[in-house]
PDB file of N, CA and C in Angstrom:
ATOM      1  N   MET A   1       0.917  -1.349  -0.112  1.00  0.00           N
ATOM      2  CA  MET A   1      -0.098   0.040   0.037  1.00  0.00           C
ATOM      3  C   MET A   1       0.681   1.428   0.176  1.00  0.00           C
ATOM      4  N   SER A   2       0.965   2.257  -0.946  1.00  0.00           N
ATOM      5  CA  SER A   2       1.156   3.451  -0.695  1.00  0.00           C
ATOM      6  C   SER A   2       0.922   4.093   0.170  1.00  0.00           C
ATOM      7  N   TRP A   3       2.239   5.264   0.480  1.00  0.00           N
ATOM      8  CA  TRP A   3       1.425   6.282   1.801  1.00  0.00           C
ATOM      9  C   TRP A   3       1.030   7.130   1.341  1.00  0.00           C
ATOM     10  N   LEU A   4       0.302   7.272  -0.293  1.00  0.00           N
ATOM     11  CA  LEU A   4      -0.645   8.021  -0.947  1.00  0.00           C
ATOM     12  C   LEU A   4      -1.954   7.685  -0.811  1.00  0.00           C
ATOM     13  N   GLN A   5      -2.456   6.541  -1.476  1.00  0.00           N
ATOM     14  CA  GLN A   5      -3.945   5.783  -0.461  1.00  0.00           C
ATOM     15  C   GLN A   5      -3.639   6.368   0.718  1.00  0.00           C
ATOM     16  N   ARG A   6      -2.681   6.156   1.618  1.00  0.00           N
ATOM     17  CA  ARG A   6      -3.974   6.003   3.007  1.00  0.00           C
ATOM     18  C   ARG A   6      -3.671   7.556   3.552  1.00  0.00           C
ATOM     19  N   TRP A   7      -3.633   8.630   1.903  1.00  0.00           N
ATOM     20  CA  TRP A   7      -4.153  10.113   2.506  1.00  0.00           C
ATOM     21  C   TRP A   7      -5.535  10.200   1.319  1.00  0.00           C
ATOM     22  N   ASN A   8      -6.042   9.241   0.398  1.00  0.00           N
ATOM     23  CA  ASN A   8      -7.081   9.385  -0.254  1.00  0.00           C
ATOM     24  C   ASN A   8      -8.679   9.339   0.200  1.00  0.00           C
ATOM     25  N   PHE A   9      -8.971  10.334   0.958  1.00  0.00           N
ATOM     26  CA  PHE A   9     -10.539  10.524   1.300  1.00  0.00           C
ATOM     27  C   PHE A   9     -11.192   9.816   0.948  1.00  0.00           C
ATOM     28  N   ILE A  10     -11.563  10.148  -1.026  1.00  0.00           N
ATOM     29  CA  ILE A  10     -12.030   9.560  -1.881  1.00  0.00           C
ATOM     30  C   ILE A  10     -12.457   7.977  -1.160  1.00  0.00           C
ATOM     31  N   GLU A  11     -10.591   7.795  -1.638  1.00  0.00           N
ATOM     32  CA  GLU A  11     -10.996   6.228  -1.884  1.00  0.00           C
ATOM     33  C   GLU A  11     -11.267   5.267  -0.453  1.00  0.00           C
ATOM     34  N   ARG A  12     -10.985   6.485   0.788  1.00  0.00           N
ATOM     35  CA  ARG A  12     -11.369   5.924   2.087  1.00  0.00           C
ATOM     36  C   ARG A  12     -12.859   5.523   2.124  1.00  0.00           C
ATOM     37  N   ALA A  13     -13.031   7.227   1.459  1.00  0.00           N
ATOM     38  CA  ALA A  13     -14.989   6.960   2.238  1.00  0.00           C
ATOM     39  C   ALA A  13     -15.635   6.055   0.921  1.00  0.00           C
ATOM     40  N   ARG A  14     -15.110   5.649   0.060  1.00  0.00           N
ATOM     41  CA  ARG A  14     -15.607   5.201  -0.986  1.00  0.00           C
ATOM     42  C   ARG A  14     -16.208   3.490  -0.129  1.00  0.00           C
ATOM     43  N   ILE A  15     -14.862   3.117   0.393  1.00  0.00           N
ATOM     44  CA  ILE A  15     -14.662   1.420   1.067  1.00  0.00           C
ATOM     45  C   ILE A  15     -15.348   1.343   2.007  1.00  0.00           C
ATOM     46  N   GLU A  16     -15.163   2.685   3.361  1.00  0.00           N
ATOM     47  CA  GLU A  16     -16.397   2.880   4.270  1.00  0.00           C
ATOM     48  C   GLU A  16     -17.332   2.674   3.710  1.00  0.00           C
ATOM     49  N   ARG A  17     -18.117   3.200   2.877  1.00  0.00           N
ATOM     50  CA  ARG A  17     -19.201   2.922   2.379  1.00  0.00           C
ATOM     51  C   ARG A  17     -20.057   1.515   2.218  1.00  0.00           C
ATOM     52  N   GLN A  18     -18.606   1.045   1.406  1.00  0.00           N
ATOM     53  CA  GLN A  18     -18.974  -0.150   1.232  1.00  0.00           C
ATOM     54  C   GLN A  18     -19.689  -1.383   2.750  1.00  0.00           C
ATOM     55  N   LEU A  19     -18.756  -0.546   3.658  1.00  0.00           N
ATOM     56  CA  LEU A  19     -18.665  -1.746   4.617  1.00  0.00           C
ATOM     57  C   LEU A  19     -20.497  -1.418   5.404  1.00  0.00           C
ATOM     58  N   TRP A  20     -20.757  -0.029   5.514  1.00  0.00           N
ATOM     59  CA  TRP A  20     -22.479   0.836   5.373  1.00  0.00           C
ATOM     60  C   TRP A  20     -23.210  -0.023   5.220  1.00  0.00           C
ATOM     61  N   GLU A  21     -22.861   0.291   3.620  1.00  0.00           N
ATOM     62  CA  GLU A  21     -24.302  -0.627   2.793  1.00  0.00           C
ATOM     63  C   GLU A  21     -24.340  -2.001   3.423  1.00  0.00           C
ATOM     64  N   ALA A  22     -23.218  -2.839   3.538  1.00  0.00           N
ATOM     65  CA  ALA A  22     -23.140  -4.165   3.579  1.00  0.00           C
ATOM     66  C   ALA A  22     -23.883  -4.466   5.325  1.00  0.00           C
ATOM     67  N   PHE A  23     -24.120  -3.412   6.276  1.00  0.00           N
ATOM     68  CA  PHE A  23     -25.098  -2.984   7.390  1.00  0.00           C
ATOM     69  C   PHE A  23     -26.540  -2.729   7.101  1.00  0.00           C
ATOM     70  N   GLU A  24     -26.337  -2.159   6.072  1.00  0.00           N
ATOM     71  CA  GLU A  24     -27.489  -1.465   6.174  1.00  0.00           C
ATOM     72  C   GLU A  24     -28.761  -2.757   5.133  1.00  0.00           C
ATOM     73  N   ARG A  25     -27.609  -3.321   4.674  1.00  0.00           N
ATOM     74  CA  ARG A  25     -28.658  -4.902   4.401  1.00  0.00           C
ATOM     75  C   ARG A  25     -28.102  -5.827   5.225  1.00  0.00           C
ATOM     76  N   ARG A  26     -27.965  -5.674   6.520  1.00  0.00           N
ATOM     77  CA  ARG A  26     -27.870  -6.571   7.453  1.00  0.00           C
ATOM     78  C   ARG A  26     -26.703  -7.714   7.488  1.00  0.00           C
ATOM     79  N   GLU A  27     -26.517  -7.647   6.354  1.00  0.00           N
ATOM     80  CA  GLU A  27     -25.085  -8.663   5.901  1.00  0.00           C
ATOM     81  C   GLU A  27     -24.118  -8.987   7.911  1.00  0.00           C
ATOM     82  N   ASP A  28     -23.354  -9.917   7.685  1.00  0.00           N
ATOM     83  CA  ASP A  28     -22.621 -10.751   8.455  1.00  0.00           C
ATOM     84  C   ASP A  28     -21.856  -9.585   8.714  1.00  0.00           C
ATOM     85  N   LEU A  29     -21.022  -8.826   9.260  1.00  0.00           N
ATOM     86  CA  LEU A  29     -20.238  -7.493   8.656  1.00  0.00           C
ATOM     87  C   LEU A  29     -18.252  -8.842   9.358  1.00  0.00           C
ATOM     88  N   GLU A  30     -18.606  -9.143  10.711  1.00  0.00           N
ATOM     89  CA  GLU A  30     -17.542  -9.539  11.080  1.00  0.00           C
ATOM     90  C   GLU A  30     -17.110 -11.215   9.533  1.00  0.00           C
ATOM     91  N   ALA A  31     -17.974 -11.410   8.897  1.00  0.00           N
ATOM     92  CA  ALA A  31     -17.747 -12.788   8.085  1.00  0.00           C
ATOM     93  C   ALA A  31     -17.006 -11.736   7.276  1.00  0.00           C
ATOM     94  N   LEU A  32     -17.340 -10.584   6.684  1.00  0.00           N
ATOM     95  CA  LEU A  32     -17.449 -10.146   5.535  1.00  0.00           C
ATOM     96  C   LEU A  32     -15.029  -9.305   5.766  1.00  0.00           C
ATOM     97  N   VAL A  33     -14.983  -8.684   6.858  1.00  0.00           N
ATOM     98  CA  VAL A  33     -14.126  -8.621   7.286  1.00  0.00           C
ATOM     99  C   VAL A  33     -12.662 -10.116   8.134  1.00  0.00           C
ATOM    100  N   GLU A  34     -13.625 -10.963   8.481  1.00  0.00           N
ATOM    101  CA  GLU A  34     -12.720 -11.873   7.843  1.00  0.00           C
ATOM    102  C   GLU A  34     -12.588 -12.989   6.890  1.00  0.00           C
ATOM    103  N   GLU A  35     -13.203 -12.189   5.642  1.00  0.00           N
ATOM    104  CA  GLU A  35     -12.714 -13.206   4.491  1.00  0.00           C
ATOM    105  C   GLU A  35     -11.653 -11.813   3.873  1.00  0.00           C
ATOM    106  N   CYS A  36     -12.225 -10.645   4.092  1.00  0.00           N
ATOM    107  CA  CYS A  36     -10.725  -9.843   3.860  1.00  0.00           C
ATOM    108  C   CYS A  36      -9.709 -10.415   4.510  1.00  0.00           C
ATOM    109  N   ARG A  37     -10.086 -10.402   5.546  1.00  0.00           N
ATOM    110  CA  ARG A  37      -8.719 -10.985   6.324  1.00  0.00           C
ATOM    111  C   ARG A  37      -7.562 -11.647   5.495  1.00  0.00           C
ATOM    112  N   GLY A  38      -8.355 -12.712   5.213  1.00  0.00           N
ATOM    113  CA  GLY A  38      -8.398 -14.393   4.807  1.00  0.00           C
ATOM    114  C   GLY A  38      -7.694 -14.379   3.093  1.00  0.00           C
ATOM    115  N   ALA A  39      -7.859 -13.106   2.790  1.00  0.00           N
ATOM    116  CA  ALA A  39      -7.856 -12.820   1.081  1.00  0.00           C
ATOM    117  C   ALA A  39      -5.893 -11.937   1.244  1.00  0.00           C
ATOM    118  N   VAL A  40      -5.748 -11.028   2.587  1.00  0.00           N
ATOM    119  CA  VAL A  40      -4.628 -10.319   3.208  1.00  0.00           C
ATOM    120  C   VAL A  40      -3.833 -11.506   3.226  1.00  0.00           C
ATOM    121  N   ALA A  41      -3.704 -12.271   4.303  1.00  0.00           N
ATOM    122  CA  ALA A  41      -3.402 -13.348   4.622  1.00  0.00           C
ATOM    123  C   ALA A  41      -2.658 -14.267   3.731  1.00  0.00           C
ATOM    124  N   ALA A  42      -3.382 -15.016   2.166  1.00  0.00           N
ATOM    125  CA  ALA A  42      -3.038 -15.632   1.545  1.00  0.00           C
ATOM    126  C   ALA A  42      -2.683 -14.725   0.721  1.00  0.00           C
ATOM    127  N   GLY A  43      -1.970 -13.656   0.293  1.00  0.00           N
ATOM    128  CA  GLY A  43      -1.789 -12.915  -0.491  1.00  0.00           C
ATOM    129  C   GLY A  43      -1.941 -11.938  -0.812  1.00  0.00           C
ATOM    130  N   ASP A  44      -3.026 -11.211  -1.099  1.00  0.00           N
ATOM    131  CA  ASP A  44      -3.681 -10.276  -1.535  1.00  0.00           C
ATOM    132  C   ASP A  44      -3.506  -9.099  -1.581  1.00  0.00           C
ATOM    133  N   ARG A  45      -2.325  -8.637  -1.769  1.00  0.00           N
ATOM    134  CA  ARG A  45      -2.333  -6.704  -1.567  1.00  0.00           C
ATOM    135  C   ARG A  45      -2.797  -6.376  -0.926  1.00  0.00           C
ATOM    136  N   GLN A  46      -3.384  -6.512  -2.387  1.00  0.00           N
ATOM    137  CA  GLN A  46      -4.506  -5.244  -3.058  1.00  0.00           C
ATOM    138  C   GLN A  46      -5.958  -4.829  -1.360  1.00  0.00           C
ATOM    139  N   ARG A  47      -6.068  -5.399  -1.123  1.00  0.00           N
ATOM    140  CA  ARG A  47      -6.989  -5.882   0.522  1.00  0.00           C
ATOM    141  C   ARG A  47      -6.658  -5.575   1.171  1.00  0.00           C
ATOM    142  N   ALA A  48      -5.510  -5.278   1.205  1.00  0.00           N
ATOM    143  CA  ALA A  48      -4.570  -4.537   2.774  1.00  0.00           C
ATOM    144  C   ALA A  48      -5.526  -3.567   3.235  1.00  0.00           C
ATOM    145  N   PHE A  49      -5.290  -2.411   2.052  1.00  0.00           N
ATOM    146  CA  PHE A  49      -6.183  -1.178   2.552  1.00  0.00           C
ATOM    147  C   PHE A  49      -7.081  -1.000   2.814  1.00  0.00           C
ATOM    148  N   GLN A  50      -7.971  -2.278   1.883  1.00  0.00           N
ATOM    149  CA  GLN A  50      -9.651  -2.198   2.795  1.00  0.00           C
ATOM    150  C   GLN A  50      -9.459  -3.155   3.699  1.00  0.00           C
ATOM    151  N   LEU A  51      -8.699  -4.338   4.482  1.00  0.00           N
ATOM    152  CA  LEU A  51      -8.952  -4.760   5.191  1.00  0.00           C
ATOM    153  C   LEU A  51      -8.631  -3.823   6.760  1.00  0.00           C
ATOM    154  N   GLU A  52      -7.693  -2.376   6.262  1.00  0.00           N
ATOM    155  CA  GLU A  52      -7.258  -1.341   7.631  1.00  0.00           C
ATOM    156  C   GLU A  52      -8.893  -0.489   7.961  1.00  0.00           C
ATOM    157  N   VAL A  53      -9.422  -0.287   6.776  1.00  0.00           N
ATOM    158  CA  VAL A  53     -10.334   0.799   6.040  1.00  0.00           C
ATOM    159  C   VAL A  53     -11.869   0.265   7.794  1.00  0.00           C
ATOM    160  N   TRP A  54     -11.625  -1.360   6.474  1.00  0.00           N
ATOM    161  CA  TRP A  54     -12.690  -1.758   7.089  1.00  0.00           C
ATOM    162  C   TRP A  54     -12.846  -2.508   8.926  1.00  0.00           C
ATOM    163  N   GLN A  55     -11.599  -2.932   9.235  1.00  0.00           N
ATOM    164  CA  GLN A  55     -11.381  -2.785  10.717  1.00  0.00           C
ATOM    165  C   GLN A  55     -11.882  -1.348  11.675  1.00  0.00           C
ATOM    166  N   THR A  56     -11.615  -0.691  10.946  1.00  0.00           N
ATOM    167  CA  THR A  56     -11.942   1.127  11.532  1.00  0.00           C
ATOM    168  C   THR A  56     -13.297   1.093  11.388  1.00  0.00           C
ATOM    169  N   THR A  57     -13.871   0.893  10.100  1.00  0.00           N
ATOM    170  CA  THR A  57     -15.145   1.150  10.442  1.00  0.00           C
ATOM    171  C   THR A  57     -16.383   0.327  11.107  1.00  0.00           C
ATOM    172  N   LEU A  58     -15.572  -0.681  11.026  1.00  0.00           N
ATOM    173  CA  LEU A  58     -16.156  -2.124  12.214  1.00  0.00           C
ATOM    174  C   LEU A  58     -16.503  -1.458  13.043  1.00  0.00           C
ATOM    175  N   GLN A  59     -16.007  -1.097  14.427  1.00  0.00           N
ATOM    176  CA  GLN A  59     -15.404  -0.574  15.160  1.00  0.00           C
ATOM    177  C   GLN A  59     -16.110   0.574  15.554  1.00  0.00           C
ATOM    178  N   ARG A  60     -16.550   1.207  14.923  1.00  0.00           N
ATOM    179  CA  ARG A  60     -17.280   2.078  14.732  1.00  0.00           C
ATOM    180  C   ARG A  60     -18.702   2.159  14.523  1.00  0.00           C
ATOM    181  N   ILE A  61     -19.214   1.240  13.226  1.00  0.00           N
ATOM    182  CA  ILE A  61     -20.003   0.429  13.537  1.00  0.00           C
ATOM    183  C   ILE A  61     -20.754   0.060  14.918  1.00  0.00           C
ATOM    184  N   ARG A  62     -20.381  -0.914  15.511  1.00  0.00           N
ATOM    185  CA  ARG A  62     -20.542  -1.819  16.328  1.00  0.00           C
ATOM    186  C   ARG A  62     -20.511   0.141  18.169  1.00  0.00           C
ATOM    187  N   LYS A  63     -19.592   1.047  17.818  1.00  0.00           N
ATOM    188  CA  LYS A  63     -19.968   1.768  18.539  1.00  0.00           C
ATOM    189  C   LYS A  63     -21.451   2.488  19.150  1.00  0.00           C
ATOM    190  N   ILE A  64     -21.691   3.064  18.107  1.00  0.00           N
ATOM    191  CA  ILE A  64     -22.930   3.477  17.064  1.00  0.00           C
ATOM    192  C   ILE A  64     -23.514   2.962  17.594  1.00  0.00           C
ATOM    193  N   GLU A  65     -23.731   1.406  17.644  1.00  0.00           N
ATOM    194  CA  GLU A  65     -24.873   0.068  18.129  1.00  0.00           C
ATOM    195  C   GLU A  65     -25.118   0.235  19.508  1.00  0.00           C
ATOM    196  N   THR A  66     -23.874  -0.004  19.769  1.00  0.00           N
ATOM    197  CA  THR A  66     -23.943  -0.021  21.883  1.00  0.00           C
ATOM    198  C   THR A  66     -24.639   1.703  21.893  1.00  0.00           C
ATOM    199  N   LEU A  67     -24.456   3.194  22.053  1.00  0.00           N
ATOM    200  CA  LEU A  67     -24.165   3.485  22.053  1.00  0.00           C
ATOM    201  C   LEU A  67     -26.170   4.078  21.505  1.00  0.00           C
ATOM    202  N   MET A  68     -26.833   3.630  20.808  1.00  0.00           N
ATOM    203  CA  MET A  68     -28.423   3.821  20.383  1.00  0.00           C
ATOM    204  C   MET A  68     -28.808   2.498  20.739  1.00  0.00           C
ATOM    205  N   ALA A  69     -27.878   1.966  21.536  1.00  0.00           N
ATOM    206  CA  ALA A  69     -29.060   0.496  22.021  1.00  0.00           C
ATOM    207  C   ALA A  69     -29.774   0.718  23.014  1.00  0.00           C
ATOM    208  N   GLY A  70     -31.086   0.320  22.706  1.00  0.00           N
ATOM    209  CA  GLY A  70     -32.268   0.637  24.057  1.00  0.00           C
ATOM    210  C   GLY A  70     -33.001   2.388  23.865  1.00  0.00           C
ATOM    211  N   LYS A  71     -32.254   2.596  22.850  1.00  0.00           N
ATOM    212  CA  LYS A  71     -33.290   3.998  22.564  1.00  0.00           C
ATOM    213  C   LYS A  71     -34.399   3.926  21.378  1.00  0.00           C
ATOM    214  N   GLN A  72     -35.534   4.425  21.785  1.00  0.00           N
ATOM    215  CA  GLN A  72     -36.545   4.438  21.422  1.00  0.00           C
ATOM    216  C   GLN A  72     -36.535   5.388  19.996  1.00  0.00           C
ATOM    217  N   PRO A  73     -37.153   5.748  19.027  1.00  0.00           N
ATOM    218  CA  PRO A  73     -37.258   6.972  18.134  1.00  0.00           C
ATOM    219  C   PRO A  73     -38.526   8.100  18.952  1.00  0.00           C
ATOM    220  N   GLU A  74     -38.564   9.615  18.846  1.00  0.00           N
ATOM    221  CA  GLU A  74     -39.383   9.751  19.404  1.00  0.00           C
ATOM    222  C   GLU A  74     -40.566   9.756  19.103  1.00  0.00           C
ATOM    223  N   PRO A  75     -41.866   9.747  19.485  1.00  0.00           N
ATOM    224  CA  PRO A  75     -42.672   9.832  19.207  1.00  0.00           C
ATOM    225  C   PRO A  75     -43.079  11.288  17.923  1.00  0.00           C
ATOM    226  N   GLU A  76     -43.823  11.377  17.197  1.00  0.00           N
ATOM    227  CA  GLU A  76     -44.076  12.671  17.159  1.00  0.00           C
ATOM    228  C   GLU A  76     -45.483  13.221  17.603  1.00  0.00           C
ATOM    229  N   ALA A  77     -45.229  14.662  17.872  1.00  0.00           N
ATOM    230  CA  ALA A  77     -46.468  15.054  18.368  1.00  0.00           C
ATOM    231  C   ALA A  77     -47.217  15.833  17.032  1.00  0.00           C
ATOM    232  N   PRO A  78     -48.560  15.321  18.652  1.00  0.00           N
ATOM    233  CA  PRO A  78     -49.990  14.833  17.321  1.00  0.00           C
ATOM    234  C   PRO A  78     -49.717  17.095  16.499  1.00  0.00           C
ATOM    235  N   GLN A  79     -50.066  17.092  15.584  1.00  0.00           N
ATOM    236  CA  GLN A  79     -50.634  17.971  14.697  1.00  0.00           C
ATOM    237  C   GLN A  79     -51.030  18.910  15.100  1.00  0.00           C
ATOM    238  N   GLU A  80     -51.440  20.040  14.591  1.00  0.00           N
ATOM    239  CA  GLU A  80     -53.258  20.687  15.224  1.00  0.00           C
ATOM    240  C   GLU A  80     -53.312  21.486  14.210  1.00  0.00           C
ATOM    241  N   ARG A  81     -54.803  20.915  13.851  1.00  0.00           N
ATOM    242  CA  ARG A  81     -55.424  21.850  12.604  1.00  0.00           C
ATOM    243  C   ARG A  81     -56.216  23.196  12.342  1.00  0.00           C
TER     244      ARG A  81
END
């Protein structure tokens, strides 16, 4: 991975979005990260940056889930006519 890729915010955001979209589809995020980790371990150096971004993004997703656990959406106030 080149140092330039680390600072490419557009590429980082695109890779983060892949995992967020998988989250929205209710896919198994840990399985996706493990599959990526396996590919890197098998020698796929192109996916090393993806793994780095996904690991960080997965931590953020889980932290947000923890913070939001038990919170219910606020009921809408009745509208006056």
